[in-house]
């Protein structure tokens, strides 16, 4: 094993304040990205939706570098993004 320090990444629940950063990743990753309204609706209106972000801790403050979304239905997870 190497002696590299682990990346300073923290996994946390996505908030409305994260949507702009998530949209940037979404636009770079998919030819047909979800809309901002879709993410906001998932966060505010869908009780089955669970979204997480990966935040890289930098000298300039935390930066969202990844995300995942899923719906929990009948005890199973369905990945949305």
N, C-alpha and C. Protein backbone atom coordinates (compact mmCIF):
# COMPACT_ATOMS: atom_id res chain seq x y z
N UNK A 1 0.83 -1.18 0.00
CA UNK A 1 0.00 0.00 0.00
C UNK A 1 0.88 1.25 0.00
N UNK A 2 0.42 2.28 -0.70
CA UNK A 2 1.13 3.55 -0.75
C UNK A 2 0.90 4.36 0.51
N UNK A 3 1.61 5.44 0.63
CA UNK A 3 1.48 6.29 1.80
C UNK A 3 0.73 7.58 1.49
N UNK A 4 -0.04 7.57 0.39
CA UNK A 4 -0.79 8.77 0.02
C UNK A 4 -1.86 9.06 1.07
N UNK A 5 -2.07 10.33 1.34
CA UNK A 5 -3.13 10.73 2.25
C UNK A 5 -4.48 10.55 1.55
N UNK A 6 -5.51 10.16 2.30
CA UNK A 6 -6.82 10.01 1.68
C UNK A 6 -7.34 11.36 1.18
N UNK A 7 -8.14 11.31 0.13
CA UNK A 7 -8.74 12.54 -0.38
C UNK A 7 -9.70 13.10 0.66
N UNK A 8 -9.69 14.40 0.84
CA UNK A 8 -10.59 15.02 1.82
C UNK A 8 -12.00 15.20 1.23
N UNK A 9 -12.69 14.07 1.01
CA UNK A 9 -14.04 14.11 0.44
C UNK A 9 -15.03 13.71 1.51
N UNK A 10 -16.12 14.46 1.61
CA UNK A 10 -17.18 14.20 2.57
C UNK A 10 -18.46 13.93 1.79
N UNK A 11 -19.20 12.89 2.18
CA UNK A 11 -20.50 12.58 1.57
C UNK A 11 -21.58 13.11 2.49
N UNK A 12 -22.48 13.94 1.93
CA UNK A 12 -23.53 14.58 2.72
C UNK A 12 -24.83 14.62 1.93
N UNK A 13 -25.97 14.77 2.61
CA UNK A 13 -27.23 14.95 1.89
C UNK A 13 -27.18 16.20 1.01
N UNK A 14 -27.75 16.09 -0.18
CA UNK A 14 -27.84 17.24 -1.09
C UNK A 14 -28.86 18.23 -0.54
N UNK A 15 -28.55 19.53 -0.70
CA UNK A 15 -29.47 20.59 -0.32
C UNK A 15 -29.79 21.43 -1.55
N UNK A 16 -30.77 22.30 -1.42
CA UNK A 16 -31.11 23.21 -2.51
C UNK A 16 -29.88 24.05 -2.89
N UNK A 17 -29.07 24.40 -1.93
CA UNK A 17 -27.87 25.17 -2.20
C UNK A 17 -26.84 24.45 -3.06
N UNK A 18 -26.97 23.13 -3.19
CA UNK A 18 -26.05 22.34 -4.01
C UNK A 18 -26.49 22.22 -5.46
N UNK A 19 -27.72 22.59 -5.77
CA UNK A 19 -28.28 22.30 -7.09
C UNK A 19 -27.48 22.94 -8.23
N UNK A 20 -27.02 24.16 -8.08
CA UNK A 20 -26.25 24.79 -9.17
C UNK A 20 -24.98 24.00 -9.48
N UNK A 21 -24.26 23.56 -8.44
CA UNK A 21 -23.05 22.76 -8.66
C UNK A 21 -23.39 21.41 -9.27
N UNK A 22 -24.48 20.81 -8.83
CA UNK A 22 -24.92 19.53 -9.39
C UNK A 22 -25.31 19.71 -10.86
N UNK A 23 -25.96 20.82 -11.18
CA UNK A 23 -26.34 21.08 -12.57
C UNK A 23 -25.11 21.18 -13.48
N UNK A 24 -24.04 21.76 -12.98
CA UNK A 24 -22.80 21.85 -13.78
C UNK A 24 -22.27 20.45 -14.08
N UNK A 25 -22.25 19.58 -13.09
CA UNK A 25 -21.82 18.20 -13.30
C UNK A 25 -22.77 17.49 -14.26
N UNK A 26 -24.06 17.69 -14.07
CA UNK A 26 -25.09 17.07 -14.91
C UNK A 26 -24.90 17.47 -16.38
N UNK A 27 -24.69 18.75 -16.63
CA UNK A 27 -24.51 19.23 -18.02
C UNK A 27 -23.26 18.65 -18.67
N UNK A 28 -22.22 18.47 -17.88
CA UNK A 28 -20.96 17.92 -18.42
C UNK A 28 -21.02 16.41 -18.62
N UNK A 29 -21.96 15.76 -17.93
CA UNK A 29 -21.99 14.29 -17.92
C UNK A 29 -22.99 13.66 -18.88
N UNK A 30 -24.07 14.37 -19.19
CA UNK A 30 -25.16 13.76 -19.94
C UNK A 30 -25.58 14.62 -21.13
N UNK A 31 -25.89 13.98 -22.26
CA UNK A 31 -26.34 14.75 -23.42
C UNK A 31 -27.72 15.37 -23.20
N UNK A 32 -28.53 14.76 -22.34
CA UNK A 32 -29.85 15.29 -22.00
C UNK A 32 -29.93 15.42 -20.48
N UNK A 33 -29.38 16.50 -19.93
CA UNK A 33 -29.35 16.63 -18.47
C UNK A 33 -30.72 16.92 -17.88
N UNK A 34 -30.88 16.54 -16.62
CA UNK A 34 -32.08 16.92 -15.89
C UNK A 34 -32.11 18.43 -15.77
N UNK A 35 -33.30 18.98 -15.61
CA UNK A 35 -33.45 20.42 -15.40
C UNK A 35 -33.22 20.76 -13.93
N UNK A 36 -32.96 22.03 -13.68
CA UNK A 36 -32.84 22.50 -12.30
C UNK A 36 -34.14 22.24 -11.55
N UNK A 37 -35.28 22.49 -12.21
CA UNK A 37 -36.59 22.27 -11.59
C UNK A 37 -36.78 20.81 -11.19
N UNK A 38 -36.26 19.88 -11.98
CA UNK A 38 -36.40 18.46 -11.65
C UNK A 38 -35.66 18.14 -10.35
N UNK A 39 -34.44 18.66 -10.21
CA UNK A 39 -33.70 18.41 -8.97
C UNK A 39 -34.39 19.06 -7.77
N UNK A 40 -34.86 20.28 -7.93
CA UNK A 40 -35.54 20.97 -6.83
C UNK A 40 -36.79 20.20 -6.44
N UNK A 41 -37.55 19.74 -7.40
CA UNK A 41 -38.76 18.96 -7.12
C UNK A 41 -38.42 17.67 -6.38
N UNK A 42 -37.36 16.99 -6.81
CA UNK A 42 -36.94 15.76 -6.13
C UNK A 42 -36.61 16.05 -4.66
N UNK A 43 -35.91 17.14 -4.42
CA UNK A 43 -35.49 17.46 -3.05
C UNK A 43 -36.66 17.90 -2.17
N UNK A 44 -37.59 18.64 -2.74
CA UNK A 44 -38.67 19.22 -1.93
C UNK A 44 -39.96 18.42 -1.91
N UNK A 45 -40.26 17.71 -2.99
CA UNK A 45 -41.59 17.12 -3.15
C UNK A 45 -41.64 15.60 -3.15
N UNK A 46 -40.52 14.91 -3.26
CA UNK A 46 -40.53 13.46 -3.40
C UNK A 46 -40.01 12.82 -2.11
N UNK A 47 -40.92 12.28 -1.30
CA UNK A 47 -40.54 11.67 -0.03
C UNK A 47 -39.68 10.41 -0.22
N UNK A 48 -39.75 9.80 -1.38
CA UNK A 48 -38.98 8.58 -1.65
C UNK A 48 -37.57 8.88 -2.18
N UNK A 49 -37.32 10.13 -2.52
CA UNK A 49 -36.04 10.51 -3.13
C UNK A 49 -34.98 10.77 -2.05
N UNK A 50 -33.79 10.29 -2.32
CA UNK A 50 -32.63 10.51 -1.45
C UNK A 50 -31.46 10.88 -2.34
N UNK A 51 -30.88 12.04 -2.11
CA UNK A 51 -29.76 12.53 -2.92
C UNK A 51 -28.59 12.88 -2.02
N UNK A 52 -27.41 12.51 -2.46
CA UNK A 52 -26.18 12.79 -1.73
C UNK A 52 -25.20 13.51 -2.64
N UNK A 53 -24.34 14.32 -2.04
CA UNK A 53 -23.26 14.95 -2.79
C UNK A 53 -21.93 14.56 -2.17
N UNK A 54 -20.91 14.54 -3.01
CA UNK A 54 -19.53 14.36 -2.56
C UNK A 54 -18.88 15.73 -2.60
N UNK A 55 -18.39 16.18 -1.44
CA UNK A 55 -17.74 17.49 -1.35
C UNK A 55 -16.24 17.30 -1.14
N UNK A 56 -15.47 17.90 -2.02
CA UNK A 56 -14.02 17.91 -1.88
C UNK A 56 -13.65 19.13 -1.04
N UNK A 57 -12.94 18.90 0.03
CA UNK A 57 -12.52 19.99 0.90
C UNK A 57 -11.25 20.61 0.31
N UNK A 58 -11.33 21.86 -0.11
CA UNK A 58 -10.19 22.54 -0.73
C UNK A 58 -9.80 23.76 0.11
N UNK A 59 -8.68 24.35 -0.23
CA UNK A 59 -8.25 25.57 0.46
C UNK A 59 -9.23 26.72 0.24
N UNK A 60 -9.99 26.66 -0.87
CA UNK A 60 -10.99 27.69 -1.17
C UNK A 60 -12.36 27.35 -0.62
N UNK A 61 -12.47 26.29 0.15
CA UNK A 61 -13.75 25.85 0.69
C UNK A 61 -14.22 24.58 0.01
N UNK A 62 -15.32 24.00 0.51
CA UNK A 62 -15.81 22.75 -0.07
C UNK A 62 -16.37 22.97 -1.48
N UNK A 63 -16.18 21.95 -2.33
CA UNK A 63 -16.66 22.00 -3.71
C UNK A 63 -17.33 20.67 -4.04
N UNK A 64 -18.55 20.72 -4.59
CA UNK A 64 -19.27 19.51 -4.99
C UNK A 64 -18.57 18.91 -6.20
N UNK A 65 -18.16 17.64 -6.08
CA UNK A 65 -17.46 16.96 -7.18
C UNK A 65 -18.20 15.72 -7.67
N UNK A 66 -19.32 15.41 -7.04
CA UNK A 66 -20.12 14.26 -7.47
C UNK A 66 -21.44 14.23 -6.74
N UNK A 67 -22.35 13.41 -7.25
CA UNK A 67 -23.66 13.26 -6.61
C UNK A 67 -24.28 11.94 -7.02
N UNK A 68 -25.26 11.52 -6.26
CA UNK A 68 -26.05 10.33 -6.59
C UNK A 68 -27.46 10.58 -6.10
N UNK A 69 -28.41 10.04 -6.84
CA UNK A 69 -29.81 10.12 -6.44
C UNK A 69 -30.45 8.76 -6.53
N UNK A 70 -31.36 8.49 -5.60
CA UNK A 70 -32.12 7.24 -5.66
C UNK A 70 -33.48 7.42 -5.02
N UNK A 71 -34.37 6.54 -5.43
CA UNK A 71 -35.69 6.44 -4.81
C UNK A 71 -35.72 5.14 -4.02
N UNK A 72 -36.22 5.18 -2.80
CA UNK A 72 -36.44 3.98 -2.01
C UNK A 72 -37.90 3.59 -2.16
N UNK A 73 -38.13 2.44 -2.78
CA UNK A 73 -39.49 1.96 -3.04
C UNK A 73 -39.56 0.50 -2.63
N UNK A 74 -40.48 0.18 -1.74
CA UNK A 74 -40.71 -1.20 -1.29
C UNK A 74 -39.41 -1.85 -0.83
N UNK A 75 -38.60 -1.11 -0.10
CA UNK A 75 -37.37 -1.65 0.45
C UNK A 75 -36.22 -1.80 -0.53
N UNK A 76 -36.39 -1.28 -1.74
CA UNK A 76 -35.33 -1.36 -2.74
C UNK A 76 -34.95 0.03 -3.20
N UNK A 77 -33.69 0.19 -3.59
CA UNK A 77 -33.21 1.46 -4.11
C UNK A 77 -33.20 1.46 -5.63
N UNK A 78 -33.73 2.51 -6.22
CA UNK A 78 -33.72 2.69 -7.68
C UNK A 78 -32.86 3.92 -7.95
N UNK A 79 -31.70 3.72 -8.62
CA UNK A 79 -30.79 4.82 -8.91
C UNK A 79 -31.41 5.72 -9.98
N UNK A 80 -31.48 7.02 -9.69
CA UNK A 80 -32.04 7.97 -10.66
C UNK A 80 -30.94 8.67 -11.44
N UNK A 81 -29.84 8.98 -10.80
CA UNK A 81 -28.69 9.65 -11.45
C UNK A 81 -27.42 9.09 -10.86
